[in-house]
PDB file of N, CA and C in Angstrom:
ATOM      1  N   UNK A   1      12.742 -10.869   7.263  1.00  0.00           N
ATOM      2  CA  UNK A   1      13.918 -10.519   6.518  1.00  0.00           C
ATOM      3  C   UNK A   1      13.995 -11.426   5.294  1.00  0.00           C
ATOM      4  N   UNK A   2      14.101 -10.809   4.120  1.00  0.00           N
ATOM      5  CA  UNK A   2      14.146 -11.570   2.884  1.00  0.00           C
ATOM      6  C   UNK A   2      15.576 -11.686   2.386  1.00  0.00           C
ATOM      7  N   UNK A   3      15.833 -12.741   1.661  1.00  0.00           N
ATOM      8  CA  UNK A   3      17.178 -12.963   1.130  1.00  0.00           C
ATOM      9  C   UNK A   3      17.550 -11.872   0.139  1.00  0.00           C
ATOM     10  N   UNK A   4      16.582 -11.353  -0.611  1.00  0.00           N
ATOM     11  CA  UNK A   4      16.881 -10.286  -1.569  1.00  0.00           C
ATOM     12  C   UNK A   4      17.356  -9.025  -0.852  1.00  0.00           C
ATOM     13  N   UNK A   5      16.801  -8.746   0.317  1.00  0.00           N
ATOM     14  CA  UNK A   5      17.254  -7.595   1.108  1.00  0.00           C
ATOM     15  C   UNK A   5      18.668  -7.830   1.620  1.00  0.00           C
ATOM     16  N   UNK A   6      18.965  -9.059   2.002  1.00  0.00           N
ATOM     17  CA  UNK A   6      20.280  -9.386   2.532  1.00  0.00           C
ATOM     18  C   UNK A   6      21.356  -9.318   1.455  1.00  0.00           C
ATOM     19  N   UNK A   7      20.991  -9.660   0.221  1.00  0.00           N
ATOM     20  CA  UNK A   7      21.972  -9.658  -0.863  1.00  0.00           C
ATOM     21  C   UNK A   7      22.447  -8.240  -1.200  1.00  0.00           C
ATOM     22  N   UNK A   8      21.676  -7.235  -0.833  1.00  0.00           N
ATOM     23  CA  UNK A   8      22.053  -5.852  -1.089  1.00  0.00           C
ATOM     24  C   UNK A   8      23.093  -5.344  -0.093  1.00  0.00           C
ATOM     25  N   UNK A   9      23.261  -6.024   1.020  1.00  0.00           N
ATOM     26  CA  UNK A   9      24.181  -5.585   2.068  1.00  0.00           C
ATOM     27  C   UNK A   9      25.586  -6.126   1.818  1.00  0.00           C
ATOM     28  N   UNK A  10      26.560  -5.458   2.439  1.00  0.00           N
ATOM     29  CA  UNK A  10      27.955  -5.890   2.367  1.00  0.00           C
ATOM     30  C   UNK A  10      28.188  -7.014   3.385  1.00  0.00           C
ATOM     31  N   UNK A  11      29.293  -7.726   3.219  1.00  0.00           N
ATOM     32  CA  UNK A  11      29.602  -8.862   4.103  1.00  0.00           C
ATOM     33  C   UNK A  11      29.785  -8.383   5.545  1.00  0.00           C
ATOM     34  N   UNK A  12      30.388  -7.218   5.744  1.00  0.00           N
ATOM     35  CA  UNK A  12      30.578  -6.696   7.104  1.00  0.00           C
ATOM     36  C   UNK A  12      29.245  -6.455   7.801  1.00  0.00           C
ATOM     37  N   UNK A  13      28.296  -5.888   7.073  1.00  0.00           N
ATOM     38  CA  UNK A  13      26.969  -5.639   7.644  1.00  0.00           C
ATOM     39  C   UNK A  13      26.274  -6.954   7.980  1.00  0.00           C
ATOM     40  N   UNK A  14      26.451  -7.940   7.108  1.00  0.00           N
ATOM     41  CA  UNK A  14      25.836  -9.246   7.344  1.00  0.00           C
ATOM     42  C   UNK A  14      26.438  -9.917   8.573  1.00  0.00           C
ATOM     43  N   UNK A  15      27.745  -9.757   8.766  1.00  0.00           N
ATOM     44  CA  UNK A  15      28.394 -10.338   9.943  1.00  0.00           C
ATOM     45  C   UNK A  15      27.838  -9.719  11.220  1.00  0.00           C
ATOM     46  N   UNK A  16      27.630  -8.402  11.219  1.00  0.00           N
ATOM     47  CA  UNK A  16      27.070  -7.724  12.391  1.00  0.00           C
ATOM     48  C   UNK A  16      25.648  -8.192  12.659  1.00  0.00           C
ATOM     49  N   UNK A  17      24.883  -8.350  11.597  1.00  0.00           N
ATOM     50  CA  UNK A  17      23.508  -8.844  11.719  1.00  0.00           C
ATOM     51  C   UNK A  17      23.493 -10.268  12.276  1.00  0.00           C
ATOM     52  N   UNK A  18      24.450 -11.080  11.836  1.00  0.00           N
ATOM     53  CA  UNK A  18      24.549 -12.456  12.300  1.00  0.00           C
ATOM     54  C   UNK A  18      24.851 -12.512  13.792  1.00  0.00           C
ATOM     55  N   UNK A  19      25.761 -11.664  14.257  1.00  0.00           N
ATOM     56  CA  UNK A  19      26.091 -11.617  15.687  1.00  0.00           C
ATOM     57  C   UNK A  19      24.863 -11.213  16.497  1.00  0.00           C
ATOM     58  N   UNK A  20      24.130 -10.222  16.018  1.00  0.00           N
ATOM     59  CA  UNK A  20      22.934  -9.767  16.727  1.00  0.00           C
ATOM     60  C   UNK A  20      21.886 -10.878  16.796  1.00  0.00           C
ATOM     61  N   UNK A  21      21.708 -11.605  15.714  1.00  0.00           N
ATOM     62  CA  UNK A  21      20.727 -12.692  15.706  1.00  0.00           C
ATOM     63  C   UNK A  21      21.146 -13.844  16.608  1.00  0.00           C
ATOM     64  N   UNK A  22      22.441 -14.109  16.672  1.00  0.00           N
ATOM     65  CA  UNK A  22      22.897 -15.181  17.571  1.00  0.00           C
ATOM     66  C   UNK A  22      22.693 -14.804  19.030  1.00  0.00           C
ATOM     67  N   UNK A  23      22.859 -13.525  19.355  1.00  0.00           N
ATOM     68  CA  UNK A  23      22.582 -13.072  20.721  1.00  0.00           C
ATOM     69  C   UNK A  23      21.097 -13.212  21.029  1.00  0.00           C
ATOM     70  N   UNK A  24      20.267 -12.842  20.051  1.00  0.00           N
ATOM     71  CA  UNK A  24      18.825 -12.983  20.232  1.00  0.00           C
ATOM     72  C   UNK A  24      18.453 -14.453  20.398  1.00  0.00           C
ATOM     73  N   UNK A  25      19.065 -15.323  19.602  1.00  0.00           N
ATOM     74  CA  UNK A  25      18.797 -16.753  19.700  1.00  0.00           C
ATOM     75  C   UNK A  25      19.177 -17.279  21.084  1.00  0.00           C
ATOM     76  N   UNK A  26      20.307 -16.835  21.598  1.00  0.00           N
ATOM     77  CA  UNK A  26      20.736 -17.257  22.926  1.00  0.00           C
ATOM     78  C   UNK A  26      19.730 -16.814  23.980  1.00  0.00           C
ATOM     79  N   UNK A  27      19.290 -15.548  23.905  1.00  0.00           N
ATOM     80  CA  UNK A  27      18.317 -15.043  24.872  1.00  0.00           C
ATOM     81  C   UNK A  27      17.003 -15.815  24.795  1.00  0.00           C
ATOM     82  N   UNK A  28      16.566 -16.129  23.586  1.00  0.00           N
ATOM     83  CA  UNK A  28      15.336 -16.908  23.433  1.00  0.00           C
ATOM     84  C   UNK A  28      15.497 -18.311  23.992  1.00  0.00           C
ATOM     85  N   UNK A  29      16.680 -18.887  23.802  1.00  0.00           N
ATOM     86  CA  UNK A  29      16.932 -20.227  24.332  1.00  0.00           C
ATOM     87  C   UNK A  29      16.905 -20.222  25.860  1.00  0.00           C
ATOM     88  N   UNK A  30      17.440 -19.169  26.464  1.00  0.00           N
ATOM     89  CA  UNK A  30      17.415 -19.050  27.925  1.00  0.00           C
ATOM     90  C   UNK A  30      15.980 -18.886  28.430  1.00  0.00           C
ATOM     91  N   UNK A  31      15.177 -18.093  27.710  1.00  0.00           N
ATOM     92  CA  UNK A  31      13.778 -17.942  28.099  1.00  0.00           C
ATOM     93  C   UNK A  31      13.027 -19.267  27.986  1.00  0.00           C
ATOM     94  N   UNK A  32      13.320 -20.009  26.934  1.00  0.00           N
ATOM     95  CA  UNK A  32      12.649 -21.291  26.741  1.00  0.00           C
ATOM     96  C   UNK A  32      13.043 -22.264  27.851  1.00  0.00           C
ATOM     97  N   UNK A  33      14.306 -22.255  28.223  1.00  0.00           N
ATOM     98  CA  UNK A  33      14.781 -23.156  29.263  1.00  0.00           C
ATOM     99  C   UNK A  33      14.205 -22.850  30.626  1.00  0.00           C
ATOM    100  N   UNK A  34      13.945 -21.573  30.869  1.00  0.00           N
ATOM    101  CA  UNK A  34      13.404 -21.194  32.174  1.00  0.00           C
ATOM    102  C   UNK A  34      11.880 -21.237  32.210  1.00  0.00           C
ATOM    103  N   UNK A  35      11.264 -21.562  31.074  1.00  0.00           N
ATOM    104  CA  UNK A  35       9.805 -21.672  31.034  1.00  0.00           C
ATOM    105  C   UNK A  35       9.090 -20.342  30.907  1.00  0.00           C
ATOM    106  N   UNK A  36       9.792 -19.288  30.554  1.00  0.00           N
ATOM    107  CA  UNK A  36       9.192 -17.966  30.435  1.00  0.00           C
ATOM    108  C   UNK A  36       8.902 -17.573  28.993  1.00  0.00           C
ATOM    109  N   UNK A  37       9.057 -18.494  28.067  1.00  0.00           N
ATOM    110  CA  UNK A  37       8.880 -18.197  26.650  1.00  0.00           C
ATOM    111  C   UNK A  37       7.415 -17.928  26.358  1.00  0.00           C
ATOM    112  N   UNK A  38       7.129 -16.712  25.895  1.00  0.00           N
ATOM    113  CA  UNK A  38       5.756 -16.330  25.602  1.00  0.00           C
ATOM    114  C   UNK A  38       5.410 -16.637  24.151  1.00  0.00           C
ATOM    115  N   UNK A  39       6.335 -16.348  23.243  1.00  0.00           N
ATOM    116  CA  UNK A  39       6.088 -16.581  21.817  1.00  0.00           C
ATOM    117  C   UNK A  39       7.174 -17.508  21.256  1.00  0.00           C
ATOM    118  N   UNK A  40       6.936 -18.810  21.299  1.00  0.00           N
ATOM    119  CA  UNK A  40       7.963 -19.766  20.886  1.00  0.00           C
ATOM    120  C   UNK A  40       8.275 -19.736  19.389  1.00  0.00           C
ATOM    121  N   UNK A  41       7.407 -19.168  18.573  1.00  0.00           N
ATOM    122  CA  UNK A  41       7.675 -19.114  17.141  1.00  0.00           C
ATOM    123  C   UNK A  41       8.870 -18.216  16.812  1.00  0.00           C
ATOM    124  N   UNK A  42       9.227 -17.321  17.719  1.00  0.00           N
ATOM    125  CA  UNK A  42      10.357 -16.432  17.485  1.00  0.00           C
ATOM    126  C   UNK A  42      11.680 -17.195  17.421  1.00  0.00           C
ATOM    127  N   UNK A  43      11.762 -18.312  18.130  1.00  0.00           N
ATOM    128  CA  UNK A  43      12.980 -19.130  18.096  1.00  0.00           C
ATOM    129  C   UNK A  43      13.197 -19.691  16.698  1.00  0.00           C
ATOM    130  N   UNK A  44      12.151 -20.174  16.080  1.00  0.00           N
ATOM    131  CA  UNK A  44      12.249 -20.695  14.715  1.00  0.00           C
ATOM    132  C   UNK A  44      12.593 -19.607  13.716  1.00  0.00           C
ATOM    133  N   UNK A  45      12.016 -18.427  13.898  1.00  0.00           N
ATOM    134  CA  UNK A  45      12.325 -17.312  13.007  1.00  0.00           C
ATOM    135  C   UNK A  45      13.786 -16.902  13.107  1.00  0.00           C
ATOM    136  N   UNK A  46      14.314 -16.890  14.316  1.00  0.00           N
ATOM    137  CA  UNK A  46      15.725 -16.530  14.506  1.00  0.00           C
ATOM    138  C   UNK A  46      16.621 -17.555  13.810  1.00  0.00           C
ATOM    139  N   UNK A  47      16.290 -18.828  13.935  1.00  0.00           N
ATOM    140  CA  UNK A  47      17.081 -19.875  13.285  1.00  0.00           C
ATOM    141  C   UNK A  47      17.061 -19.723  11.768  1.00  0.00           C
ATOM    142  N   UNK A  48      15.893 -19.442  11.204  1.00  0.00           N
ATOM    143  CA  UNK A  48      15.767 -19.291   9.752  1.00  0.00           C
ATOM    144  C   UNK A  48      16.533 -18.067   9.260  1.00  0.00           C
ATOM    145  N   UNK A  49      16.465 -16.969  10.013  1.00  0.00           N
ATOM    146  CA  UNK A  49      17.184 -15.763   9.611  1.00  0.00           C
ATOM    147  C   UNK A  49      18.692 -15.966   9.676  1.00  0.00           C
ATOM    148  N   UNK A  50      19.151 -16.703  10.678  1.00  0.00           N
ATOM    149  CA  UNK A  50      20.581 -17.018  10.777  1.00  0.00           C
ATOM    150  C   UNK A  50      21.012 -17.839   9.557  1.00  0.00           C
ATOM    151  N   UNK A  51      20.207 -18.811   9.181  1.00  0.00           N
ATOM    152  CA  UNK A  51      20.528 -19.648   8.023  1.00  0.00           C
ATOM    153  C   UNK A  51      20.547 -18.818   6.742  1.00  0.00           C
ATOM    154  N   UNK A  52      19.607 -17.893   6.596  1.00  0.00           N
ATOM    155  CA  UNK A  52      19.577 -17.030   5.413  1.00  0.00           C
ATOM    156  C   UNK A  52      20.843 -16.187   5.315  1.00  0.00           C
ATOM    157  N   UNK A  53      21.231 -15.592   6.429  1.00  0.00           N
ATOM    158  CA  UNK A  53      22.418 -14.741   6.420  1.00  0.00           C
ATOM    159  C   UNK A  53      23.664 -15.554   6.096  1.00  0.00           C
ATOM    160  N   UNK A  54      23.787 -16.733   6.683  1.00  0.00           N
ATOM    161  CA  UNK A  54      24.956 -17.571   6.409  1.00  0.00           C
ATOM    162  C   UNK A  54      24.997 -17.968   4.933  1.00  0.00           C
ATOM    163  N   UNK A  55      23.839 -18.238   4.347  1.00  0.00           N
ATOM    164  CA  UNK A  55      23.773 -18.602   2.933  1.00  0.00           C
ATOM    165  C   UNK A  55      24.224 -17.446   2.054  1.00  0.00           C
ATOM    166  N   UNK A  56      23.754 -16.245   2.346  1.00  0.00           N
ATOM    167  CA  UNK A  56      24.108 -15.075   1.543  1.00  0.00           C
ATOM    168  C   UNK A  56      25.602 -14.769   1.689  1.00  0.00           C
ATOM    169  N   UNK A  57      26.134 -14.909   2.884  1.00  0.00           N
ATOM    170  CA  UNK A  57      27.573 -14.678   3.088  1.00  0.00           C
ATOM    171  C   UNK A  57      28.385 -15.660   2.247  1.00  0.00           C
ATOM    172  N   UNK A  58      27.979 -16.921   2.249  1.00  0.00           N
ATOM    173  CA  UNK A  58      28.675 -17.934   1.461  1.00  0.00           C
ATOM    174  C   UNK A  58      28.586 -17.621  -0.030  1.00  0.00           C
ATOM    175  N   UNK A  59      27.409 -17.193  -0.494  1.00  0.00           N
ATOM    176  CA  UNK A  59      27.245 -16.836  -1.898  1.00  0.00           C
ATOM    177  C   UNK A  59      28.179 -15.695  -2.284  1.00  0.00           C
ATOM    178  N   UNK A  60      28.242 -14.678  -1.431  1.00  0.00           N
ATOM    179  CA  UNK A  60      29.092 -13.527  -1.719  1.00  0.00           C
ATOM    180  C   UNK A  60      30.569 -13.901  -1.722  1.00  0.00           C
ATOM    181  N   UNK A  61      30.987 -14.751  -0.800  1.00  0.00           N
ATOM    182  CA  UNK A  61      32.387 -15.184  -0.764  1.00  0.00           C
ATOM    183  C   UNK A  61      32.754 -15.981  -2.003  1.00  0.00           C
ATOM    184  N   UNK A  62      31.874 -16.875  -2.429  1.00  0.00           N
ATOM    185  CA  UNK A  62      32.142 -17.670  -3.624  1.00  0.00           C
ATOM    186  C   UNK A  62      32.165 -16.791  -4.880  1.00  0.00           C
ATOM    187  N   UNK A  63      31.286 -15.805  -4.932  1.00  0.00           N
ATOM    188  CA  UNK A  63      31.254 -14.894  -6.073  1.00  0.00           C
ATOM    189  C   UNK A  63      32.540 -14.079  -6.162  1.00  0.00           C
ATOM    190  N   UNK A  64      33.056 -13.669  -5.009  1.00  0.00           N
ATOM    191  CA  UNK A  64      34.292 -12.874  -5.022  1.00  0.00           C
ATOM    192  C   UNK A  64      35.507 -13.746  -5.385  1.00  0.00           C
ATOM    193  N   UNK A  65      35.476 -15.028  -5.034  1.00  0.00           N
ATOM    194  CA  UNK A  65      36.568 -15.929  -5.387  1.00  0.00           C
ATOM    195  C   UNK A  65      36.595 -16.202  -6.877  1.00  0.00           C
ATOM    196  N   UNK A  66      35.423 -16.316  -7.487  1.00  0.00           N
ATOM    197  CA  UNK A  66      35.331 -16.631  -8.914  1.00  0.00           C
ATOM    198  C   UNK A  66      35.606 -15.412  -9.795  1.00  0.00           C
ATOM    199  N   UNK A  67      35.535 -14.241  -9.245  1.00  0.00           N
ATOM    200  CA  UNK A  67      35.735 -13.023 -10.056  1.00  0.00           C
ATOM    201  C   UNK A  67      37.179 -12.769 -10.339  1.00  0.00           C
TER     202      UNK A  67
END
């Protein structure tokens, strides 16, 4: 997921995407804790995507405040 793709979405869509990624992150964390994690790189990807979405949401909120 690229930041340019995220910037095209509305804040509501980004919030829904953020909730879905946090659920995925939780599930991956549970798999890691139980020792069943097959692809550990997915945990890092989920964290990075969450950070990207939060950044874009903040950018959009600041842009709307300044307008």
